[in-house]
């Protein structure tokens, strides 16, 4: 991939916002490496060689670490001058009060929602040390406000927010050129399968619901604009619905 100016790694690229993000980036001519348990045949048919895929259970930290120890990531990034990482993959489960949560489901949620994004961020930053490296964690309003039934989901998204704040202290955004920029961005409420599962949850387990939904494609365009803006990384934690932009 050394001939590409900009390349992107997108986790959870096979459905929902992840699929829309991958499509949006490739529409802009940006090569994408998608990481997910499955593949995206529709994206592959539409974009051809712009899409590469690696099938992986991102909740399996040992397997992810083993793959990151191979040359695969570095070979994809090549000598690209700009490298994007979108940590999109995640799960809302387990939903419910503390005594209703399965401990194994809690562990899997933490591995997928926290360990995988932090591992990928570290690996991409190391492999792209001579590039404009931009890391975007897909966060949530649940990271900043407590919601009934979402103690695990909210805590894992809050971990991404705090990670971004600390990384920003280690790597102040460069004025231009090579360096690490990071933001944990809440994209708003999106009409995806995850939102459908949320709305199918019994009201007794999750009574708070937001009625406003945006399409994955609308949200993806906004996220891509935000990620590629000159001032990306100025705010380590942000909300796409905010009136200001980087």
C-alpha atoms as a PDB file:
ATOM      1  CA  UNK A   1       0.000   0.000   0.000  1.00  0.00           C
ATOM      2  CA  UNK A   2       3.006   2.326  -0.171  1.00  0.00           C
ATOM      3  CA  UNK A   3       1.623   4.146  -3.223  1.00  0.00           C
ATOM      4  CA  UNK A   4      -1.467   5.342  -1.344  1.00  0.00           C
ATOM      5  CA  UNK A   5      -1.374   8.780   0.255  1.00  0.00           C
ATOM      6  CA  UNK A   6      -4.037   7.968   2.846  1.00  0.00           C
ATOM      7  CA  UNK A   7      -5.092   4.563   4.176  1.00  0.00           C
ATOM      8  CA  UNK A   8      -7.549   3.617   6.915  1.00  0.00           C
ATOM      9  CA  UNK A   9      -8.122   0.766   9.339  1.00  0.00           C
ATOM     10  CA  UNK A  10     -11.768   0.349  10.314  1.00  0.00           C
ATOM     11  CA  UNK A  11     -12.931  -2.161  12.900  1.00  0.00           C
ATOM     12  CA  UNK A  12     -16.421  -3.605  12.628  1.00  0.00           C
ATOM     13  CA  UNK A  13     -16.689  -2.690   8.946  1.00  0.00           C
ATOM     14  CA  UNK A  14     -19.268  -5.309   7.929  1.00  0.00           C
ATOM     15  CA  UNK A  15     -22.451  -3.658   9.168  1.00  0.00           C
ATOM     16  CA  UNK A  16     -24.052  -0.520  10.534  1.00  0.00           C
ATOM     17  CA  UNK A  17     -21.912   2.559  11.013  1.00  0.00           C
ATOM     18  CA  UNK A  18     -18.709   0.613  10.328  1.00  0.00           C
ATOM     19  CA  UNK A  19     -19.884  -0.421   6.855  1.00  0.00           C
ATOM     20  CA  UNK A  20     -21.014   3.129   6.135  1.00  0.00           C
ATOM     21  CA  UNK A  21     -17.675   4.523   7.314  1.00  0.00           C
ATOM     22  CA  UNK A  22     -15.692   2.098   5.171  1.00  0.00           C
ATOM     23  CA  UNK A  23     -17.829   2.953   2.134  1.00  0.00           C
ATOM     24  CA  UNK A  24     -17.524   6.693   2.753  1.00  0.00           C
ATOM     25  CA  UNK A  25     -13.748   6.531   2.987  1.00  0.00           C
ATOM     26  CA  UNK A  26     -13.385   4.350  -0.096  1.00  0.00           C
ATOM     27  CA  UNK A  27     -15.713   6.668  -2.024  1.00  0.00           C
ATOM     28  CA  UNK A  28     -13.115   9.340  -1.265  1.00  0.00           C
ATOM     29  CA  UNK A  29     -10.367   7.117  -2.695  1.00  0.00           C
ATOM     30  CA  UNK A  30      -8.997   5.965   0.671  1.00  0.00           C
ATOM     31  CA  UNK A  31      -7.923   2.323   0.898  1.00  0.00           C
ATOM     32  CA  UNK A  32      -9.482   0.493   3.857  1.00  0.00           C
ATOM     33  CA  UNK A  33      -8.388  -2.487   5.910  1.00  0.00           C
ATOM     34  CA  UNK A  34     -11.524  -3.836   7.562  1.00  0.00           C
ATOM     35  CA  UNK A  35     -11.283  -5.886  10.744  1.00  0.00           C
ATOM     36  CA  UNK A  36     -14.306  -7.961  11.778  1.00  0.00           C
ATOM     37  CA  UNK A  37     -15.499 -11.486  12.468  1.00  0.00           C
ATOM     38  CA  UNK A  38     -17.016 -11.683   8.989  1.00  0.00           C
ATOM     39  CA  UNK A  39     -16.476 -10.130   5.586  1.00  0.00           C
ATOM     40  CA  UNK A  40     -18.316  -7.489   3.577  1.00  0.00           C
ATOM     41  CA  UNK A  41     -18.951  -8.963   0.110  1.00  0.00           C
ATOM     42  CA  UNK A  42     -21.072  -6.007  -1.004  1.00  0.00           C
ATOM     43  CA  UNK A  43     -18.279  -3.564  -0.190  1.00  0.00           C
ATOM     44  CA  UNK A  44     -15.736  -5.827  -1.871  1.00  0.00           C
ATOM     45  CA  UNK A  45     -17.834  -5.995  -5.031  1.00  0.00           C
ATOM     46  CA  UNK A  46     -18.352  -2.238  -5.038  1.00  0.00           C
ATOM     47  CA  UNK A  47     -14.821  -1.065  -4.258  1.00  0.00           C
ATOM     48  CA  UNK A  48     -12.576  -3.938  -5.358  1.00  0.00           C
ATOM     49  CA  UNK A  49      -8.891  -3.511  -4.463  1.00  0.00           C
ATOM     50  CA  UNK A  50      -9.566  -0.496  -2.246  1.00  0.00           C
ATOM     51  CA  UNK A  51     -10.841  -2.935   0.396  1.00  0.00           C
ATOM     52  CA  UNK A  52      -8.747  -5.437   2.279  1.00  0.00           C
ATOM     53  CA  UNK A  53     -10.212  -7.542   5.068  1.00  0.00           C
ATOM     54  CA  UNK A  54      -8.958  -9.536   8.004  1.00  0.00           C
ATOM     55  CA  UNK A  55     -11.374 -11.821   9.795  1.00  0.00           C
ATOM     56  CA  UNK A  56     -10.835 -11.691  13.534  1.00  0.00           C
ATOM     57  CA  UNK A  57     -12.774 -11.965  16.759  1.00  0.00           C
ATOM     58  CA  UNK A  58     -11.708  -8.665  18.301  1.00  0.00           C
ATOM     59  CA  UNK A  59     -13.005  -9.828  21.670  1.00  0.00           C
ATOM     60  CA  UNK A  60     -10.194 -12.431  21.666  1.00  0.00           C
ATOM     61  CA  UNK A  61      -7.296 -10.306  22.889  1.00  0.00           C
ATOM     62  CA  UNK A  62      -4.735 -13.099  22.548  1.00  0.00           C
ATOM     63  CA  UNK A  63      -5.663 -13.724  18.909  1.00  0.00           C
ATOM     64  CA  UNK A  64      -5.606  -9.995  18.150  1.00  0.00           C
ATOM     65  CA  UNK A  65      -2.177  -9.663  19.763  1.00  0.00           C
ATOM     66  CA  UNK A  66      -0.892 -12.584  17.699  1.00  0.00           C
ATOM     67  CA  UNK A  67      -2.089 -10.952  14.468  1.00  0.00           C
ATOM     68  CA  UNK A  68      -0.611  -7.593  15.433  1.00  0.00           C
ATOM     69  CA  UNK A  69       2.729  -9.350  15.914  1.00  0.00           C
ATOM     70  CA  UNK A  70       2.728 -10.326  12.217  1.00  0.00           C
ATOM     71  CA  UNK A  71       3.838  -7.958   9.422  1.00  0.00           C
ATOM     72  CA  UNK A  72       0.267  -7.676   8.051  1.00  0.00           C
ATOM     73  CA  UNK A  73      -0.626  -4.302   9.526  1.00  0.00           C
ATOM     74  CA  UNK A  74       2.676  -2.684   8.609  1.00  0.00           C
ATOM     75  CA  UNK A  75       2.464  -4.044   5.078  1.00  0.00           C
ATOM     76  CA  UNK A  76      -0.967  -2.489   4.631  1.00  0.00           C
ATOM     77  CA  UNK A  77       0.093   0.884   6.020  1.00  0.00           C
ATOM     78  CA  UNK A  78       3.264   0.891   3.922  1.00  0.00           C
ATOM     79  CA  UNK A  79       4.807   4.331   3.522  1.00  0.00           C
ATOM     80  CA  UNK A  80       1.469   6.162   3.495  1.00  0.00           C
ATOM     81  CA  UNK A  81       1.738   9.775   4.553  1.00  0.00           C
ATOM     82  CA  UNK A  82      -1.606   9.706   6.389  1.00  0.00           C
ATOM     83  CA  UNK A  83      -2.961   6.787   8.406  1.00  0.00           C
ATOM     84  CA  UNK A  84      -6.456   6.675   9.869  1.00  0.00           C
ATOM     85  CA  UNK A  85      -7.728   4.297  12.541  1.00  0.00           C
ATOM     86  CA  UNK A  86     -11.434   4.182  13.331  1.00  0.00           C
ATOM     87  CA  UNK A  87     -12.191   2.033  16.367  1.00  0.00           C
ATOM     88  CA  UNK A  88     -15.837   1.370  15.610  1.00  0.00           C
ATOM     89  CA  UNK A  89     -16.459  -2.255  16.632  1.00  0.00           C
ATOM     90  CA  UNK A  90     -18.340  -2.629  19.896  1.00  0.00           C
ATOM     91  CA  UNK A  91     -21.209  -4.218  21.756  1.00  0.00           C
ATOM     92  CA  UNK A  92     -23.951  -2.814  23.958  1.00  0.00           C
ATOM     93  CA  UNK A  93     -24.385  -6.125  25.814  1.00  0.00           C
ATOM     94  CA  UNK A  94     -24.877  -6.936  28.607  1.00  0.00           C
ATOM     95  CA  UNK A  95     -27.822  -4.617  29.195  1.00  0.00           C
ATOM     96  CA  UNK A  96     -29.490  -4.633  32.598  1.00  0.00           C
ATOM     97  CA  UNK A  97     -28.954  -4.085  36.276  1.00  0.00           C
ATOM     98  CA  UNK A  98     -25.760  -5.338  37.902  1.00  0.00           C
ATOM     99  CA  UNK A  99     -27.273  -8.542  39.299  1.00  0.00           C
ATOM    100  CA  UNK A 100     -28.602  -9.457  35.835  1.00  0.00           C
ATOM    101  CA  UNK A 101     -25.232  -9.273  34.068  1.00  0.00           C
ATOM    102  CA  UNK A 102     -23.423 -12.435  33.021  1.00  0.00           C
ATOM    103  CA  UNK A 103     -19.759 -12.122  34.117  1.00  0.00           C
ATOM    104  CA  UNK A 104     -18.508 -13.685  30.877  1.00  0.00           C
ATOM    105  CA  UNK A 105     -20.520 -11.178  28.839  1.00  0.00           C
ATOM    106  CA  UNK A 106     -18.963  -8.392  30.901  1.00  0.00           C
ATOM    107  CA  UNK A 107     -15.460  -9.692  30.148  1.00  0.00           C
ATOM    108  CA  UNK A 108     -16.218 -10.003  26.426  1.00  0.00           C
ATOM    109  CA  UNK A 109     -17.618  -6.467  26.316  1.00  0.00           C
ATOM    110  CA  UNK A 110     -14.512  -5.037  27.970  1.00  0.00           C
ATOM    111  CA  UNK A 111     -12.253  -6.980  25.588  1.00  0.00           C
ATOM    112  CA  UNK A 112     -14.131  -5.784  22.491  1.00  0.00           C
ATOM    113  CA  UNK A 113     -14.994  -2.248  23.577  1.00  0.00           C
ATOM    114  CA  UNK A 114     -11.771  -1.355  25.407  1.00  0.00           C
ATOM    115  CA  UNK A 115      -8.871  -3.777  24.943  1.00  0.00           C
ATOM    116  CA  UNK A 116      -9.164  -4.054  21.150  1.00  0.00           C
ATOM    117  CA  UNK A 117      -9.293  -0.279  20.488  1.00  0.00           C
ATOM    118  CA  UNK A 118      -6.352   0.368  22.803  1.00  0.00           C
ATOM    119  CA  UNK A 119      -4.321  -2.457  21.250  1.00  0.00           C
ATOM    120  CA  UNK A 120      -5.059  -1.275  17.724  1.00  0.00           C
ATOM    121  CA  UNK A 121      -4.242   2.325  18.625  1.00  0.00           C
ATOM    122  CA  UNK A 122      -0.858   1.346  20.026  1.00  0.00           C
ATOM    123  CA  UNK A 123      -0.038  -0.882  17.064  1.00  0.00           C
ATOM    124  CA  UNK A 124      -1.084   1.659  14.428  1.00  0.00           C
ATOM    125  CA  UNK A 125       0.786   4.504  16.151  1.00  0.00           C
ATOM    126  CA  UNK A 126       3.948   2.386  16.265  1.00  0.00           C
ATOM    127  CA  UNK A 127       3.658   1.301  12.630  1.00  0.00           C
ATOM    128  CA  UNK A 128       2.800   4.788  11.364  1.00  0.00           C
ATOM    129  CA  UNK A 129       5.356   6.770  13.345  1.00  0.00           C
ATOM    130  CA  UNK A 130       6.439   8.772  10.292  1.00  0.00           C
ATOM    131  CA  UNK A 131       2.891   9.559   9.130  1.00  0.00           C
ATOM    132  CA  UNK A 132       0.041  11.855  10.044  1.00  0.00           C
ATOM    133  CA  UNK A 133      -1.612   9.260  12.307  1.00  0.00           C
ATOM    134  CA  UNK A 134      -5.229   9.978  13.223  1.00  0.00           C
ATOM    135  CA  UNK A 135      -7.036   7.763  15.727  1.00  0.00           C
ATOM    136  CA  UNK A 136     -10.777   8.052  16.220  1.00  0.00           C
ATOM    137  CA  UNK A 137     -12.581   6.109  18.936  1.00  0.00           C
ATOM    138  CA  UNK A 138     -16.316   5.842  18.300  1.00  0.00           C
ATOM    139  CA  UNK A 139     -17.634   6.878  21.698  1.00  0.00           C
ATOM    140  CA  UNK A 140     -21.160   7.530  22.970  1.00  0.00           C
ATOM    141  CA  UNK A 141     -23.194   9.932  25.006  1.00  0.00           C
ATOM    142  CA  UNK A 142     -23.383   7.034  27.463  1.00  0.00           C
ATOM    143  CA  UNK A 143     -19.704   7.667  28.243  1.00  0.00           C
ATOM    144  CA  UNK A 144     -20.584  11.081  29.626  1.00  0.00           C
ATOM    145  CA  UNK A 145     -24.036  10.483  31.105  1.00  0.00           C
ATOM    146  CA  UNK A 146     -25.201   7.483  33.137  1.00  0.00           C
ATOM    147  CA  UNK A 147     -28.151   5.508  31.777  1.00  0.00           C
ATOM    148  CA  UNK A 148     -30.157   2.804  33.476  1.00  0.00           C
ATOM    149  CA  UNK A 149     -29.040  -0.652  32.306  1.00  0.00           C
ATOM    150  CA  UNK A 150     -25.898   0.593  30.578  1.00  0.00           C
ATOM    151  CA  UNK A 151     -23.303   0.373  33.328  1.00  0.00           C
ATOM    152  CA  UNK A 152     -20.974  -1.836  31.247  1.00  0.00           C
ATOM    153  CA  UNK A 153     -21.446  -0.048  27.920  1.00  0.00           C
ATOM    154  CA  UNK A 154     -21.111   3.384  29.494  1.00  0.00           C
ATOM    155  CA  UNK A 155     -18.022   2.390  31.461  1.00  0.00           C
ATOM    156  CA  UNK A 156     -16.283   0.956  28.391  1.00  0.00           C
ATOM    157  CA  UNK A 157     -17.012   4.047  26.302  1.00  0.00           C
ATOM    158  CA  UNK A 158     -15.856   6.279  29.159  1.00  0.00           C
ATOM    159  CA  UNK A 159     -12.591   4.319  29.126  1.00  0.00           C
ATOM    160  CA  UNK A 160     -12.085   5.321  25.480  1.00  0.00           C
ATOM    161  CA  UNK A 161     -12.721   8.962  26.357  1.00  0.00           C
ATOM    162  CA  UNK A 162     -10.112   8.851  29.112  1.00  0.00           C
ATOM    163  CA  UNK A 163      -7.649   7.011  26.884  1.00  0.00           C
ATOM    164  CA  UNK A 164      -7.939   9.780  24.295  1.00  0.00           C
ATOM    165  CA  UNK A 165      -7.391  12.486  26.911  1.00  0.00           C
ATOM    166  CA  UNK A 166      -4.242  10.791  28.198  1.00  0.00           C
ATOM    167  CA  UNK A 167      -2.842  10.019  24.734  1.00  0.00           C
ATOM    168  CA  UNK A 168      -3.395  13.665  23.773  1.00  0.00           C
ATOM    169  CA  UNK A 169      -1.170  14.670  26.700  1.00  0.00           C
ATOM    170  CA  UNK A 170       1.542  12.297  25.455  1.00  0.00           C
ATOM    171  CA  UNK A 171       1.140  13.462  21.848  1.00  0.00           C
ATOM    172  CA  UNK A 172       0.050  17.098  21.498  1.00  0.00           C
ATOM    173  CA  UNK A 173      -1.469  17.564  18.027  1.00  0.00           C
ATOM    174  CA  UNK A 174       1.266  18.598  15.584  1.00  0.00           C
ATOM    175  CA  UNK A 175       0.811  21.812  13.642  1.00  0.00           C
ATOM    176  CA  UNK A 176       1.202  19.790  10.457  1.00  0.00           C
ATOM    177  CA  UNK A 177       2.839  16.639   9.150  1.00  0.00           C
ATOM    178  CA  UNK A 178       3.768  13.509  11.076  1.00  0.00           C
ATOM    179  CA  UNK A 179       2.466  12.873  14.556  1.00  0.00           C
ATOM    180  CA  UNK A 180      -0.379  11.281  16.496  1.00  0.00           C
ATOM    181  CA  UNK A 181      -3.772  12.948  16.737  1.00  0.00           C
ATOM    182  CA  UNK A 182      -6.637  11.359  18.661  1.00  0.00           C
ATOM    183  CA  UNK A 183     -10.278  11.994  19.461  1.00  0.00           C
ATOM    184  CA  UNK A 184     -12.998   9.981  21.178  1.00  0.00           C
ATOM    185  CA  UNK A 185     -16.066  11.126  19.253  1.00  0.00           C
ATOM    186  CA  UNK A 186     -19.719  10.525  20.111  1.00  0.00           C
ATOM    187  CA  UNK A 187     -21.547  10.276  16.757  1.00  0.00           C
ATOM    188  CA  UNK A 188     -25.122  10.609  17.976  1.00  0.00           C
ATOM    189  CA  UNK A 189     -27.989   8.117  17.793  1.00  0.00           C
ATOM    190  CA  UNK A 190     -27.820   6.097  14.576  1.00  0.00           C
ATOM    191  CA  UNK A 191     -30.359   3.822  12.908  1.00  0.00           C
ATOM    192  CA  UNK A 192     -28.380   0.563  13.103  1.00  0.00           C
ATOM    193  CA  UNK A 193     -28.881  -3.017  14.257  1.00  0.00           C
ATOM    194  CA  UNK A 194     -27.404  -2.058  17.636  1.00  0.00           C
ATOM    195  CA  UNK A 195     -30.038   0.644  18.054  1.00  0.00           C
ATOM    196  CA  UNK A 196     -32.713  -1.873  17.059  1.00  0.00           C
ATOM    197  CA  UNK A 197     -31.516  -4.205  19.823  1.00  0.00           C
ATOM    198  CA  UNK A 198     -31.571  -1.313  22.276  1.00  0.00           C
ATOM    199  CA  UNK A 199     -35.151  -0.430  21.372  1.00  0.00           C
ATOM    200  CA  UNK A 200     -36.167  -4.076  21.640  1.00  0.00           C
ATOM    201  CA  UNK A 201     -34.869  -4.201  25.215  1.00  0.00           C
ATOM    202  CA  UNK A 202     -37.721  -4.326  27.746  1.00  0.00           C
ATOM    203  CA  UNK A 203     -38.365  -0.839  29.075  1.00  0.00           C
ATOM    204  CA  UNK A 204     -37.879  -2.104  32.620  1.00  0.00           C
ATOM    205  CA  UNK A 205     -34.230  -2.840  31.786  1.00  0.00           C
ATOM    206  CA  UNK A 206     -33.511   0.291  29.757  1.00  0.00           C
ATOM    207  CA  UNK A 207     -36.202   2.966  30.208  1.00  0.00           C
ATOM    208  CA  UNK A 208     -34.340   5.894  28.604  1.00  0.00           C
ATOM    209  CA  UNK A 209     -34.675   6.099  24.853  1.00  0.00           C
ATOM    210  CA  UNK A 210     -33.785   8.850  22.417  1.00  0.00           C
ATOM    211  CA  UNK A 211     -36.301   9.263  19.608  1.00  0.00           C
ATOM    212  CA  UNK A 212     -34.008  10.987  17.086  1.00  0.00           C
ATOM    213  CA  UNK A 213     -32.147   8.712  14.670  1.00  0.00           C
ATOM    214  CA  UNK A 214     -29.734   9.542  11.850  1.00  0.00           C
ATOM    215  CA  UNK A 215     -28.853   7.156   9.034  1.00  0.00           C
ATOM    216  CA  UNK A 216     -25.468   5.388   9.088  1.00  0.00           C
ATOM    217  CA  UNK A 217     -24.582   7.078   5.793  1.00  0.00           C
ATOM    218  CA  UNK A 218     -25.349  10.572   7.084  1.00  0.00           C
ATOM    219  CA  UNK A 219     -23.351   9.934  10.222  1.00  0.00           C
ATOM    220  CA  UNK A 220     -20.433   8.388   8.311  1.00  0.00           C
ATOM    221  CA  UNK A 221     -20.117  11.441   6.082  1.00  0.00           C
ATOM    222  CA  UNK A 222     -19.988  13.668   9.160  1.00  0.00           C
ATOM    223  CA  UNK A 223     -17.439  11.464  10.909  1.00  0.00           C
ATOM    224  CA  UNK A 224     -15.225  11.342   7.811  1.00  0.00           C
ATOM    225  CA  UNK A 225     -15.350  15.121   7.438  1.00  0.00           C
ATOM    226  CA  UNK A 226     -14.449  15.468  11.114  1.00  0.00           C
ATOM    227  CA  UNK A 227     -11.589  12.962  10.933  1.00  0.00           C
ATOM    228  CA  UNK A 228     -10.047  14.522   7.842  1.00  0.00           C
ATOM    229  CA  UNK A 229     -10.411  18.156   8.950  1.00  0.00           C
ATOM    230  CA  UNK A 230      -7.157  20.103   9.483  1.00  0.00           C
ATOM    231  CA  UNK A 231      -7.904  20.648  13.161  1.00  0.00           C
ATOM    232  CA  UNK A 232      -8.643  17.014  14.046  1.00  0.00           C
ATOM    233  CA  UNK A 233      -7.284  16.209  17.495  1.00  0.00           C
ATOM    234  CA  UNK A 234      -7.745  19.700  18.884  1.00  0.00           C
ATOM    235  CA  UNK A 235     -10.407  18.216  21.189  1.00  0.00           C
ATOM    236  CA  UNK A 236      -9.553  14.822  22.655  1.00  0.00           C
ATOM    237  CA  UNK A 237     -13.219  14.190  23.474  1.00  0.00           C
ATOM    238  CA  UNK A 238     -16.009  15.594  21.337  1.00  0.00           C
ATOM    239  CA  UNK A 239     -19.565  15.117  20.067  1.00  0.00           C
ATOM    240  CA  UNK A 240     -20.383  15.144  16.358  1.00  0.00           C
ATOM    241  CA  UNK A 241     -23.623  16.951  17.136  1.00  0.00           C
ATOM    242  CA  UNK A 242     -21.802  19.894  18.670  1.00  0.00           C
ATOM    243  CA  UNK A 243     -22.017  23.141  16.757  1.00  0.00           C
ATOM    244  CA  UNK A 244     -18.225  23.573  16.474  1.00  0.00           C
ATOM    245  CA  UNK A 245     -15.942  21.584  14.189  1.00  0.00           C
ATOM    246  CA  UNK A 246     -12.155  21.107  14.206  1.00  0.00           C
END
